[in-house]
């Protein structure tokens, strides 16, 4: 589970050959996920962000994402912000960003940004060939990844 130390969230993940995702909320998309929030099978919540350039990612068979630990309720708060306007579809939800008016959209964007900004420092990288559902992922500590472009 995630642990809070001096306001910074850390993770208890271990280097495992397989990383399993329970729920995936995709907030940035281009021929597959570029960024968003996920809940792992351990119940931990992470912000995920593409490593490298977006233009290069679409040409790759596999994508790598850095994981930044988040508060345990972060995904649920994001869902509560978007769910009144777009029904969730789990295990992978890519909500279309449509709101009834500009004021509602601005509020949703602010709340989403506030939650995303709670993410801690990246300390894990996951790699997957399934950038639509993250059905199978491998995980490594970020300091063990040879080259980080972000």
Protein backbone atom coordinates (compact mmCIF):
# COMPACT_ATOMS: atom_id res chain seq x y z
CA UNK A 1 0.00 0.00 0.00
CA UNK A 2 1.02 3.64 -0.32
CA UNK A 3 2.53 5.25 2.70
CA UNK A 4 2.68 8.95 3.52
CA UNK A 5 5.91 10.37 4.91
CA UNK A 6 6.12 14.13 5.43
CA UNK A 7 3.33 14.66 2.90
CA UNK A 8 5.10 12.63 0.19
CA UNK A 9 3.66 9.31 -0.95
CA UNK A 10 5.92 6.35 -1.39
CA UNK A 11 5.20 2.85 -2.62
CA UNK A 12 5.73 -0.64 -1.30
CA UNK A 13 6.00 -2.15 -4.79
CA UNK A 14 8.67 -4.76 -5.30
CA UNK A 15 10.62 -5.49 -8.45
CA UNK A 16 8.34 -8.09 -9.92
CA UNK A 17 8.33 -9.43 -13.45
CA UNK A 18 4.61 -8.75 -13.74
CA UNK A 19 2.69 -5.65 -12.65
CA UNK A 20 -1.08 -5.99 -12.61
CA UNK A 21 -3.57 -3.14 -13.07
CA UNK A 22 -7.01 -3.24 -11.44
CA UNK A 23 -8.40 0.05 -12.84
CA UNK A 24 -6.99 2.36 -15.51
CA UNK A 25 -8.19 5.94 -16.07
CA UNK A 26 -6.71 7.32 -19.27
CA UNK A 27 -6.59 11.12 -19.32
CA UNK A 28 -4.11 11.63 -22.17
CA UNK A 29 -4.37 9.52 -25.31
CA UNK A 30 -2.76 9.22 -28.72
CA UNK A 31 -2.91 5.78 -30.34
CA UNK A 32 -3.02 4.41 -26.82
CA UNK A 33 -2.52 5.74 -23.32
CA UNK A 34 -0.03 8.53 -22.78
CA UNK A 35 -0.99 9.44 -19.23
CA UNK A 36 -3.53 9.10 -16.48
CA UNK A 37 -4.05 7.30 -13.19
CA UNK A 38 -4.06 3.61 -12.40
CA UNK A 39 -4.84 1.41 -9.46
CA UNK A 40 -2.56 -1.61 -9.14
CA UNK A 41 -3.62 -5.05 -7.95
CA UNK A 42 -2.05 -4.12 -4.59
CA UNK A 43 -4.56 -1.27 -4.25
CA UNK A 44 -1.89 1.39 -4.70
CA UNK A 45 -2.71 4.37 -6.91
CA UNK A 46 -0.23 5.89 -9.35
CA UNK A 47 -0.13 8.67 -11.86
CA UNK A 48 1.40 7.27 -15.04
CA UNK A 49 3.16 9.34 -17.67
CA UNK A 50 4.76 8.29 -20.93
CA UNK A 51 8.54 8.16 -20.98
CA UNK A 52 9.97 9.69 -24.11
CA UNK A 53 8.43 11.66 -26.89
CA UNK A 54 4.82 11.15 -27.94
CA UNK A 55 5.73 11.09 -31.63
CA UNK A 56 8.22 8.26 -31.07
CA UNK A 57 5.81 6.27 -28.89
CA UNK A 58 3.30 5.69 -31.68
CA UNK A 59 6.00 3.90 -33.66
CA UNK A 60 7.00 1.57 -30.81
CA UNK A 61 5.73 -1.94 -30.12
CA UNK A 62 6.17 -1.34 -26.40
CA UNK A 63 5.72 1.80 -24.31
CA UNK A 64 7.29 2.70 -20.98
CA UNK A 65 5.58 4.86 -18.36
CA UNK A 66 6.93 6.36 -15.17
CA UNK A 67 4.78 5.76 -12.09
CA UNK A 68 4.31 8.43 -9.46
CA UNK A 69 2.61 7.33 -6.20
CA UNK A 70 -0.61 9.10 -5.23
CA UNK A 71 -2.87 9.21 -2.18
CA UNK A 72 -5.01 6.06 -1.90
CA UNK A 73 -8.23 7.99 -2.67
CA UNK A 74 -6.89 9.92 -5.68
CA UNK A 75 -8.49 7.73 -8.34
CA UNK A 76 -11.84 7.77 -6.54
CA UNK A 77 -11.76 11.58 -6.34
CA UNK A 78 -11.07 11.80 -10.07
CA UNK A 79 -13.94 9.42 -10.77
CA UNK A 80 -16.25 11.55 -8.59
CA UNK A 81 -15.29 14.63 -10.62
CA UNK A 82 -15.93 13.08 -14.05
CA UNK A 83 -18.61 10.45 -13.35
CA UNK A 84 -21.60 12.84 -13.22
CA UNK A 85 -20.96 13.61 -16.91
CA UNK A 86 -19.46 10.39 -18.30
CA UNK A 87 -20.29 6.91 -17.03
CA UNK A 88 -17.16 4.94 -15.98
CA UNK A 89 -16.27 1.77 -17.87
CA UNK A 90 -13.87 -0.44 -15.94
CA UNK A 91 -11.30 -1.88 -15.98
CA UNK A 92 -10.19 0.75 -18.54
CA UNK A 93 -11.95 4.09 -18.71
CA UNK A 94 -11.14 6.74 -21.29
CA UNK A 95 -13.74 9.44 -20.63
CA UNK A 96 -14.62 11.77 -23.47
CA UNK A 97 -14.03 15.24 -22.12
CA UNK A 98 -17.52 16.66 -22.71
CA UNK A 99 -19.33 18.78 -20.17
CA UNK A 100 -22.64 20.65 -20.29
CA UNK A 101 -20.99 24.09 -20.27
CA UNK A 102 -17.64 25.89 -20.10
CA UNK A 103 -17.90 26.63 -16.37
CA UNK A 104 -18.41 22.94 -15.55
CA UNK A 105 -15.52 21.93 -17.78
CA UNK A 106 -13.23 24.54 -16.20
CA UNK A 107 -14.14 23.30 -12.72
CA UNK A 108 -13.54 19.65 -13.72
CA UNK A 109 -10.18 20.54 -15.27
CA UNK A 110 -9.11 22.42 -12.13
CA UNK A 111 -10.16 19.57 -9.81
CA UNK A 112 -8.44 17.00 -12.04
CA UNK A 113 -5.26 19.06 -12.15
CA UNK A 114 -5.30 19.49 -8.36
CA UNK A 115 -5.50 15.71 -7.84
CA UNK A 116 -2.82 14.95 -10.45
CA UNK A 117 -0.50 17.47 -8.80
CA UNK A 118 -0.58 15.38 -5.60
CA UNK A 119 1.57 12.70 -7.26
CA UNK A 120 4.90 12.00 -5.63
CA UNK A 121 8.26 11.55 -7.27
CA UNK A 122 8.54 8.87 -9.96
CA UNK A 123 10.26 5.78 -8.63
CA UNK A 124 8.96 3.00 -10.89
CA UNK A 125 8.70 2.39 -14.62
CA UNK A 126 6.24 0.00 -16.21
CA UNK A 127 6.49 -1.32 -19.76
CA UNK A 128 3.69 -2.82 -21.78
CA UNK A 129 2.68 -3.76 -25.30
CA UNK A 130 -0.97 -3.16 -24.36
CA UNK A 131 -1.26 0.63 -24.22
CA UNK A 132 -5.06 0.43 -24.25
CA UNK A 133 -5.61 -1.70 -21.14
CA UNK A 134 -2.21 -2.44 -19.54
CA UNK A 135 -3.23 -6.12 -19.34
CA UNK A 136 0.38 -7.26 -18.90
CA UNK A 137 3.14 -4.99 -17.61
CA UNK A 138 6.64 -5.39 -16.30
CA UNK A 139 7.94 -3.09 -13.57
CA UNK A 140 11.40 -1.80 -12.68
CA UNK A 141 12.74 0.69 -10.16
CA UNK A 142 13.42 3.94 -11.98
CA UNK A 143 17.10 3.89 -10.95
CA UNK A 144 17.48 0.55 -12.75
CA UNK A 145 16.21 1.87 -16.07
CA UNK A 146 19.16 2.62 -18.32
CA UNK A 147 17.91 5.77 -20.06
CA UNK A 148 15.13 8.08 -18.97
CA UNK A 149 14.17 10.72 -21.46
CA UNK A 150 11.80 12.60 -19.09
